[in-house]
Amino acid sequence: MIQTILKRLGALRDGPLKRRRLLTFLAPLTLLGLVICICMGPAPVDGDVYLLIDDQETYTVTADSDLDYQSEALYTGSNNAGAADVQLILPKGQDVQLAAVEEGTSATVKSSGPETKLLSASLSGSAEDDTADTGVVTTRHETVANLLRRSHVKVADDEMVVVDLTADTPSITVCRQYTRLRSVQVQTDFAEERIADPLMAKGTEEIITPGVPGTVTQTYMDVFVKGKLERTEFISTTEDNSVTQVVEYGTLVDSVADGDELVSVYRNDDGSGYLLFASGDTMAFSSQVTCNASAYAIHGRTASGRPTQYGNIAVDPSVFPYGTRFYIYTDDGYLTYGMATAADCGTSIKGYKLDLWFDEYDQACRFGRRNCTVFVLN
């Protein structure tokens, strides 16, 4: 070939006729060279924006992306200089739901169960009748872009290609705005209800109903534009199915602190009951009686051998044996004597009479003699 060309170039000296023949020979070669140069030039780059959605995450994919992704439904290849399409590659032989909405419109979809359903396609993204051209396409071993080409689906400049892998059947949607309803299951802790038991010892508790954690299904609306999440809105949640744990706790004490105010008295038919104090503590009593009380301030030891001190009072031991415990207040509101113990006696203290001990003689004089309500504690 080269020798032939050289011979013909040498023939330029042989006259006009041979020069014309040479030009006729070179013209096709020149055209062939131009075609080869054009074909060997870089291929047009896929400028579309792809939104890839799976159960875990969303990915924005373009020709510049370097995403390494692999699943049964789709995998990525290297976006090298020789690849015209974004390398989102579909394996051969799977069904894909293809939705090409009217140019410039928005698609709204809902993923539930084994399929992704196109709910609507509208200019505003609001729920309207389906205006999309939908269908199921069986893939070859090809890129998403190639599937769109052979399905005669074009992507406008302001649109994106959404590849949704969250359902059993993958879906590919071409649209301007993609609105997706997404459900998320969230585990919830059980609540606890605590119920006071006035006759259970303070510091103890019992679980009546064990708590069980539950779940709620929260629905969100994700709105994507040009491959990016534009906003997320909370739509609804299901009722929490957790089981509340019910715990009974004790408030019963043997004595209350000075100044702990008596709030309520709860009585049973047999005369017993319990006292409720401002602190929440309770004390059980076996009976309630009214006694006439005097006061004294003698120091030393009591008839039972206990020291004389506030709370150790004189009683008729035949009515109230030594060691009997009381809670006392005057009926006229003058004084809440509070906690007391039968510890002493006196010649004039007979029947339902009491002699309350005070530290100061003046205190005893001011008290004088008063009727008192007396709760005989358990």
Protein backbone atom coordinates (compact mmCIF):
# COMPACT_ATOMS: atom_id res chain seq x y z
CA MET A 1 0.00 0.00 0.00
CA ILE A 2 2.73 2.46 0.97
CA GLN A 3 4.77 1.62 -2.11
CA THR A 4 1.71 2.20 -4.25
CA ILE A 5 1.17 5.62 -2.70
CA LEU A 6 4.81 6.54 -3.22
CA LYS A 7 4.68 5.47 -6.83
CA ARG A 8 1.61 7.56 -7.41
CA LEU A 9 3.17 10.55 -5.68
CA GLY A 10 6.09 10.18 -8.04
CA ALA A 11 3.66 10.18 -10.90
CA LEU A 12 2.82 13.83 -10.21
CA ARG A 13 5.75 14.64 -12.46
CA ASP A 14 4.20 12.64 -15.31
CA GLY A 15 1.35 14.99 -16.15
CA PRO A 16 -2.13 16.26 -15.29
CA LEU A 17 -3.91 13.02 -16.06
CA LYS A 18 -1.92 11.04 -13.53
CA ARG A 19 -2.37 13.78 -10.90
CA ARG A 20 -6.15 13.52 -11.28
CA ARG A 21 -5.95 9.77 -10.81
CA LEU A 22 -3.90 10.25 -7.65
CA LEU A 23 -6.45 12.65 -6.16
CA THR A 24 -9.21 10.18 -6.94
CA PHE A 25 -7.26 7.55 -4.99
CA LEU A 26 -6.46 9.74 -1.95
CA ALA A 27 -9.92 11.23 -1.39
CA PRO A 28 -11.54 8.04 0.04
CA LEU A 29 -8.52 7.44 2.26
CA THR A 30 -8.79 10.94 3.71
CA LEU A 31 -12.51 10.50 4.45
CA LEU A 32 -11.86 7.13 6.08
CA GLY A 33 -9.23 8.70 8.33
CA LEU A 34 -11.63 11.40 9.48
CA VAL A 35 -14.28 8.80 10.35
CA ILE A 36 -11.75 6.78 12.33
CA CYS A 37 -10.64 9.88 14.25
CA ILE A 38 -14.23 10.78 15.11
CA CYS A 39 -15.09 7.25 16.26
CA MET A 40 -11.98 7.03 18.39
CA GLY A 41 -12.74 10.32 20.15
CA PRO A 42 -14.28 10.41 23.65
CA ALA A 43 -17.93 9.29 23.87
CA PRO A 44 -20.59 11.73 25.07
CA VAL A 45 -20.79 11.64 28.87
CA ASP A 46 -24.08 10.62 30.52
CA GLY A 47 -25.13 13.86 32.22
CA ASP A 48 -28.21 12.50 33.97
CA VAL A 49 -28.59 12.46 37.75
CA TYR A 50 -29.51 9.12 39.30
CA LEU A 51 -31.04 8.60 42.72
CA LEU A 52 -30.39 5.11 44.08
CA ILE A 53 -32.55 4.08 47.04
CA ASP A 54 -32.29 0.90 49.08
CA ASP A 55 -33.46 -0.19 52.52
CA GLN A 56 -30.46 1.34 54.23
CA GLU A 57 -29.53 4.54 52.42
CA THR A 58 -29.96 6.81 49.41
CA TYR A 59 -27.19 7.62 46.95
CA THR A 60 -26.85 10.40 44.41
CA VAL A 61 -25.01 9.02 41.38
CA THR A 62 -23.58 10.96 38.43
CA ALA A 63 -20.85 10.38 35.88
CA ASP A 64 -18.37 11.81 38.40
CA SER A 65 -19.41 9.46 41.19
CA ASP A 66 -17.18 6.67 42.41
CA LEU A 67 -19.83 4.56 44.13
CA ASP A 68 -18.97 0.96 44.95
CA TYR A 69 -22.31 -0.80 45.26
CA GLN A 70 -23.47 -4.36 44.79
CA SER A 71 -26.78 -6.12 45.29
CA GLU A 72 -28.77 -8.82 43.54
CA ALA A 73 -30.77 -6.19 41.66
CA LEU A 74 -28.00 -3.77 40.64
CA TYR A 75 -24.28 -3.21 40.88
CA THR A 76 -21.90 -0.44 39.89
CA GLY A 77 -19.05 -0.52 37.45
CA SER A 78 -16.14 1.83 37.00
CA ASN A 79 -17.04 5.16 35.38
CA ASN A 80 -13.94 5.16 33.18
CA ALA A 81 -13.28 7.41 30.24
CA GLY A 82 -14.57 4.85 27.76
CA ALA A 83 -18.00 4.44 29.40
CA ALA A 84 -20.75 6.58 27.90
CA ASP A 85 -23.35 5.62 30.53
CA VAL A 86 -23.26 5.99 34.28
CA GLN A 87 -22.31 2.49 35.34
CA LEU A 88 -25.43 1.42 37.19
CA ILE A 89 -25.65 -2.09 35.82
CA LEU A 90 -28.71 -4.34 35.88
CA PRO A 91 -28.24 -8.13 35.77
CA LYS A 92 -29.95 -9.98 32.96
CA GLY A 93 -33.42 -11.43 33.28
CA GLN A 94 -35.03 -9.51 36.15
CA ASP A 95 -38.30 -7.63 35.97
CA VAL A 96 -38.16 -3.88 36.57
CA GLN A 97 -41.15 -1.59 37.02
CA LEU A 98 -40.56 1.38 34.73
CA ALA A 99 -42.46 4.64 35.18
CA ALA A 100 -41.90 7.56 32.86
CA VAL A 101 -44.09 10.42 34.04
CA GLU A 102 -45.04 13.30 31.80
CA GLU A 103 -42.08 15.61 31.33
CA GLY A 104 -41.65 18.12 34.15
CA THR A 105 -44.02 16.40 36.56
CA SER A 106 -43.53 14.82 39.96
CA ALA A 107 -43.92 11.21 41.03
CA THR A 108 -45.31 10.01 44.34
CA VAL A 109 -44.68 6.41 45.33
CA LYS A 110 -45.22 4.19 48.31
CA SER A 111 -43.13 1.15 49.15
CA SER A 112 -45.14 -1.53 50.91
CA GLY A 113 -44.83 -5.28 50.89
CA PRO A 114 -43.23 -6.85 47.84
CA GLU A 115 -43.72 -3.95 45.43
CA THR A 116 -43.31 -0.23 44.98
CA LYS A 117 -46.54 1.34 43.80
CA LEU A 118 -46.72 4.60 41.86
CA LEU A 119 -49.49 6.48 43.59
CA SER A 120 -49.57 9.60 41.46
CA ALA A 121 -47.74 11.83 39.05
CA SER A 122 -48.59 15.51 39.07
CA LEU A 123 -47.15 18.97 38.50
CA SER A 124 -47.32 19.77 42.19
CA GLY A 125 -46.67 16.38 43.67
CA SER A 126 -50.17 16.28 45.16
CA ALA A 127 -52.17 13.07 45.05
CA GLU A 128 -53.90 12.78 41.68
CA ASP A 129 -54.78 10.00 39.30
CA ASP A 130 -51.81 8.18 37.84
CA THR A 131 -50.61 10.05 34.73
CA ALA A 132 -47.45 8.04 34.26
CA ASP A 133 -46.66 5.56 31.54
CA THR A 134 -45.84 2.51 33.63
CA GLY A 135 -44.92 -1.02 32.74
CA VAL A 136 -42.70 -3.95 33.56
CA VAL A 137 -39.52 -4.39 31.55
CA THR A 138 -37.26 -7.44 31.61
CA THR A 139 -33.63 -6.43 31.82
CA ARG A 140 -30.71 -7.46 29.73
CA HIS A 141 -27.21 -7.26 31.14
CA GLU A 142 -27.19 -3.48 30.71
CA THR A 143 -26.96 -0.09 32.30
CA VAL A 144 -30.01 1.75 33.55
CA ALA A 145 -29.40 4.34 30.83
CA ASN A 146 -29.49 1.64 28.15
CA LEU A 147 -32.75 0.24 29.49
CA LEU A 148 -34.26 3.72 29.25
CA ARG A 149 -32.99 4.16 25.68
CA ARG A 150 -34.43 0.92 24.40
CA SER A 151 -37.68 1.69 26.23
CA HIS A 152 -37.76 5.06 24.40
CA VAL A 153 -37.70 7.02 27.65
CA LYS A 154 -35.92 10.36 27.55
CA VAL A 155 -34.64 12.29 30.56
CA ALA A 156 -35.11 16.07 30.46
CA ASP A 157 -32.51 18.45 31.86
CA ASP A 158 -34.52 19.14 35.03
CA GLU A 159 -35.40 15.50 35.63
CA MET A 160 -33.66 12.64 37.39
CA VAL A 161 -33.72 8.86 37.21
CA VAL A 162 -34.84 7.21 40.44
CA VAL A 163 -33.82 3.59 40.97
CA ASP A 164 -35.74 2.25 43.97
CA LEU A 165 -34.56 -1.13 45.27
CA THR A 166 -36.64 -1.22 48.45
CA ALA A 167 -39.26 -3.62 47.06
CA ASP A 168 -38.98 -7.12 45.63
CA THR A 169 -39.47 -5.68 42.15
CA PRO A 170 -37.06 -2.78 41.52
CA SER A 171 -38.61 0.37 40.08
CA ILE A 172 -37.11 2.99 37.79
CA THR A 173 -38.89 6.33 37.61
CA VAL A 174 -38.02 9.37 35.50
CA CYS A 175 -39.40 12.55 37.04
CA ARG A 176 -38.61 16.07 38.22
CA GLN A 177 -39.56 15.53 41.85
CA TYR A 178 -39.76 12.19 43.62
CA THR A 179 -41.97 11.94 46.70
CA ARG A 180 -41.64 8.71 48.62
CA LEU A 181 -43.66 7.53 51.60
CA ARG A 182 -41.34 5.65 53.90
CA SER A 183 -42.28 3.53 56.91
CA VAL A 184 -39.92 3.02 59.83
CA GLN A 185 -40.45 0.65 62.72
CA VAL A 186 -39.26 2.07 66.03
CA GLN A 187 -38.99 0.09 69.25
CA THR A 188 -40.54 1.79 72.24
CA ASP A 189 -39.82 1.34 75.93
CA PHE A 190 -42.67 0.38 78.18
CA ALA A 191 -44.03 2.92 80.63
CA GLU A 192 -44.20 2.22 84.35
CA GLU A 193 -47.15 2.91 86.60
CA ARG A 194 -46.38 2.94 90.32
CA ILE A 195 -49.19 2.39 92.78
CA ALA A 196 -48.75 3.03 96.50
CA ASP A 197 -49.77 0.19 98.80
CA PRO A 198 -50.41 1.74 102.24
CA LEU A 199 -50.17 -1.63 103.99
CA MET A 200 -46.93 -2.80 102.36
CA ALA A 201 -43.71 -2.07 104.19
CA LYS A 202 -41.87 0.97 102.89
CA GLY A 203 -38.84 0.01 100.80
CA THR A 204 -40.47 -3.06 99.28
CA GLU A 205 -42.25 -3.30 95.96
CA GLU A 206 -43.90 -5.91 93.79
CA ILE A 207 -44.37 -6.08 90.01
CA ILE A 208 -48.05 -6.74 89.37
CA THR A 209 -47.92 -6.56 85.57
CA PRO A 210 -44.55 -7.00 83.82
CA GLY A 211 -43.76 -4.40 81.19
CA VAL A 212 -43.27 -5.40 77.55
CA PRO A 213 -41.49 -3.18 74.97
CA GLY A 214 -43.50 -2.36 71.89
CA THR A 215 -43.11 -1.00 68.39
CA VAL A 216 -44.65 1.83 66.43
CA THR A 217 -44.61 2.30 62.68
CA GLN A 218 -43.78 5.88 61.76
CA THR A 219 -44.50 7.13 58.25
CA TYR A 220 -42.40 9.88 56.68
CA MET A 221 -42.58 11.65 53.33
CA ASP A 222 -39.21 12.17 51.63
CA VAL A 223 -39.07 14.66 48.74
CA PHE A 224 -36.12 14.42 46.32
CA VAL A 225 -35.18 16.90 43.59
CA LYS A 226 -32.25 16.35 41.19
CA GLY A 227 -31.01 13.44 43.24
CA LYS A 228 -30.92 15.23 46.60
CA LEU A 229 -33.22 15.02 49.59
CA GLU A 230 -35.01 18.37 49.70
CA ARG A 231 -37.17 17.78 52.79
CA THR A 232 -38.64 15.14 55.07
CA GLU A 233 -42.05 15.45 56.68
CA PHE A 234 -43.55 13.33 59.46
CA ILE A 235 -46.91 11.96 58.36
CA SER A 236 -48.27 9.60 61.01
CA THR A 237 -47.52 6.92 63.56
CA THR A 238 -49.33 3.83 64.71
CA GLU A 239 -50.47 3.25 68.27
CA ASP A 240 -47.79 2.11 70.68
CA ASN A 241 -48.42 -1.55 71.53
CA SER A 242 -46.10 -1.71 74.52
CA VAL A 243 -47.47 -3.05 77.81
CA THR A 244 -47.24 -0.75 80.82
CA GLN A 245 -45.46 -2.23 83.82
CA VAL A 246 -47.49 -1.91 87.00
CA VAL A 247 -45.55 -1.81 90.27
CA GLU A 248 -46.96 -1.65 93.77
CA TYR A 249 -44.65 -0.11 96.35
CA GLY A 250 -44.97 0.06 100.10
CA THR A 251 -45.43 3.22 102.19
CA LEU A 252 -46.06 1.62 105.59
CA VAL A 253 -43.73 2.79 108.40
CA ASP A 254 -43.52 2.26 112.16
CA SER A 255 -43.23 5.96 112.97
CA VAL A 256 -43.20 9.34 111.28
CA ALA A 257 -40.89 12.29 111.74
CA ASP A 258 -41.89 15.25 113.90
CA GLY A 259 -43.71 17.78 111.77
CA ASP A 260 -44.94 15.27 109.19
CA GLU A 261 -48.53 16.42 108.89
CA LEU A 262 -51.42 14.00 109.04
CA VAL A 263 -53.36 14.35 105.79
CA SER A 264 -56.06 11.67 105.81
CA VAL A 265 -57.47 8.87 107.92
CA TYR A 266 -58.77 5.74 106.18
CA ARG A 267 -61.01 3.49 108.27
CA ASN A 268 -62.27 -0.05 107.80
CA ASP A 269 -65.59 -1.41 109.02
CA ASP A 270 -63.90 -3.13 111.97
CA GLY A 271 -62.45 0.15 113.24
CA SER A 272 -58.95 -0.43 111.96
CA GLY A 273 -57.36 1.61 109.19
CA TYR A 274 -54.32 3.63 108.31
CA LEU A 275 -53.06 7.19 108.54
CA LEU A 276 -51.68 9.00 105.48
CA PHE A 277 -49.09 11.71 106.05
CA ALA A 278 -47.85 14.56 103.88
CA SER A 279 -44.60 12.69 103.17
CA GLY A 280 -46.59 9.83 101.62
CA ASP A 281 -45.79 7.53 104.53
CA THR A 282 -48.59 5.54 106.12
CA MET A 283 -49.12 3.99 109.57
CA ALA A 284 -51.67 1.28 110.30
CA PHE A 285 -53.86 1.44 113.41
CA SER A 286 -56.01 -1.22 115.06
CA SER A 287 -58.48 1.16 116.69
CA GLN A 288 -59.33 4.79 117.31
CA VAL A 289 -60.43 6.03 120.75
CA THR A 290 -61.07 9.33 122.50
CA CYS A 291 -59.17 9.85 125.74
CA ASN A 292 -59.06 12.60 128.33
CA ALA A 293 -55.44 13.68 128.70
CA SER A 294 -53.57 15.61 131.37
CA ALA A 295 -49.88 16.55 131.36
CA TYR A 296 -46.83 16.20 133.63
CA ALA A 297 -43.11 17.10 133.55
CA ILE A 298 -41.44 14.83 136.13
CA HIS A 299 -37.92 13.72 135.23
CA GLY A 300 -36.45 10.31 136.03
CA ARG A 301 -37.56 6.90 134.97
CA THR A 302 -41.01 5.59 134.18
CA ALA A 303 -42.79 2.66 135.80
CA SER A 304 -41.81 0.47 132.86
CA GLY A 305 -38.15 1.38 133.31
CA ARG A 306 -38.01 3.65 130.29
CA PRO A 307 -36.52 7.13 130.70
CA THR A 308 -38.91 10.03 131.01
CA GLN A 309 -38.92 11.82 127.67
CA TYR A 310 -41.27 13.29 125.14
CA GLY A 311 -43.48 10.51 123.76
CA ASN A 312 -43.28 8.23 126.81
CA ILE A 313 -46.70 8.71 128.40
CA ALA A 314 -48.64 7.40 131.41
CA VAL A 315 -51.59 5.06 130.82
CA ASP A 316 -53.76 2.54 132.59
CA PRO A 317 -51.76 -0.64 131.85
CA SER A 318 -54.92 -2.71 132.12
CA VAL A 319 -56.31 -0.81 129.14
CA PHE A 320 -53.11 -0.09 127.24
CA PRO A 321 -50.25 -2.48 128.08
CA TYR A 322 -46.75 -1.05 128.32
CA GLY A 323 -45.20 -0.76 124.90
CA THR A 324 -48.46 0.08 123.16
CA ARG A 325 -47.82 2.72 120.53
CA PHE A 326 -50.08 5.68 119.72
CA TYR A 327 -50.53 8.65 117.47
CA ILE A 328 -52.25 11.50 119.34
CA TYR A 329 -53.70 14.93 118.63
CA THR A 330 -56.02 17.17 120.67
CA ASP A 331 -59.60 17.47 119.48
CA ASP A 332 -59.55 21.26 119.83
CA GLY A 333 -56.57 21.62 117.47
CA TYR A 334 -54.28 22.92 120.21
CA LEU A 335 -51.54 20.37 119.66
CA THR A 336 -50.56 17.36 117.64
CA TYR A 337 -48.64 15.38 120.22
CA GLY A 338 -47.65 12.83 117.60
CA MET A 339 -45.95 9.53 118.31
CA ALA A 340 -46.26 8.14 121.84
CA THR A 341 -45.60 4.91 123.76
CA ALA A 342 -47.30 3.53 126.88
CA ALA A 343 -44.41 3.63 129.38
CA ASP A 344 -45.70 4.96 132.74
CA CYS A 345 -48.71 4.87 135.04
CA GLY A 346 -50.34 6.97 137.73
CA THR A 347 -52.82 6.54 140.57
CA SER A 348 -55.29 8.88 138.89
CA ILE A 349 -54.78 7.46 135.38
CA LYS A 350 -57.56 4.93 135.07
CA GLY A 351 -59.51 3.70 132.06
CA TYR A 352 -59.29 5.88 128.99
CA LYS A 353 -57.19 8.58 130.60
CA LEU A 354 -53.68 9.58 129.58
CA ASP A 355 -50.94 11.69 131.12
CA LEU A 356 -48.74 13.24 128.43
CA TRP A 357 -45.12 13.95 129.32
CA PHE A 358 -43.53 17.35 128.54
CA ASP A 359 -39.96 18.46 129.09
CA GLU A 360 -40.95 21.79 130.70
CA TYR A 361 -43.36 22.30 133.58
CA ASP A 362 -44.80 25.41 131.88
CA GLN A 363 -45.63 23.33 128.82
CA ALA A 364 -47.52 20.86 130.97
CA CYS A 365 -49.42 23.68 132.68
CA ARG A 366 -50.41 25.26 129.39
CA PHE A 367 -51.67 21.94 128.12
CA GLY A 368 -53.87 21.41 131.16
CA ARG A 369 -56.48 18.79 130.45
CA ARG A 370 -57.90 18.18 126.98
CA ASN A 371 -59.80 15.52 125.06
CA CYS A 372 -57.61 13.77 122.50
CA THR A 373 -58.09 11.48 119.53
CA VAL A 374 -55.85 8.47 120.00
CA PHE A 375 -54.95 5.99 117.27
CA VAL A 376 -53.69 2.69 118.67
CA LEU A 377 -51.00 1.67 116.21
CA ASN A 378 -50.38 -1.88 115.03
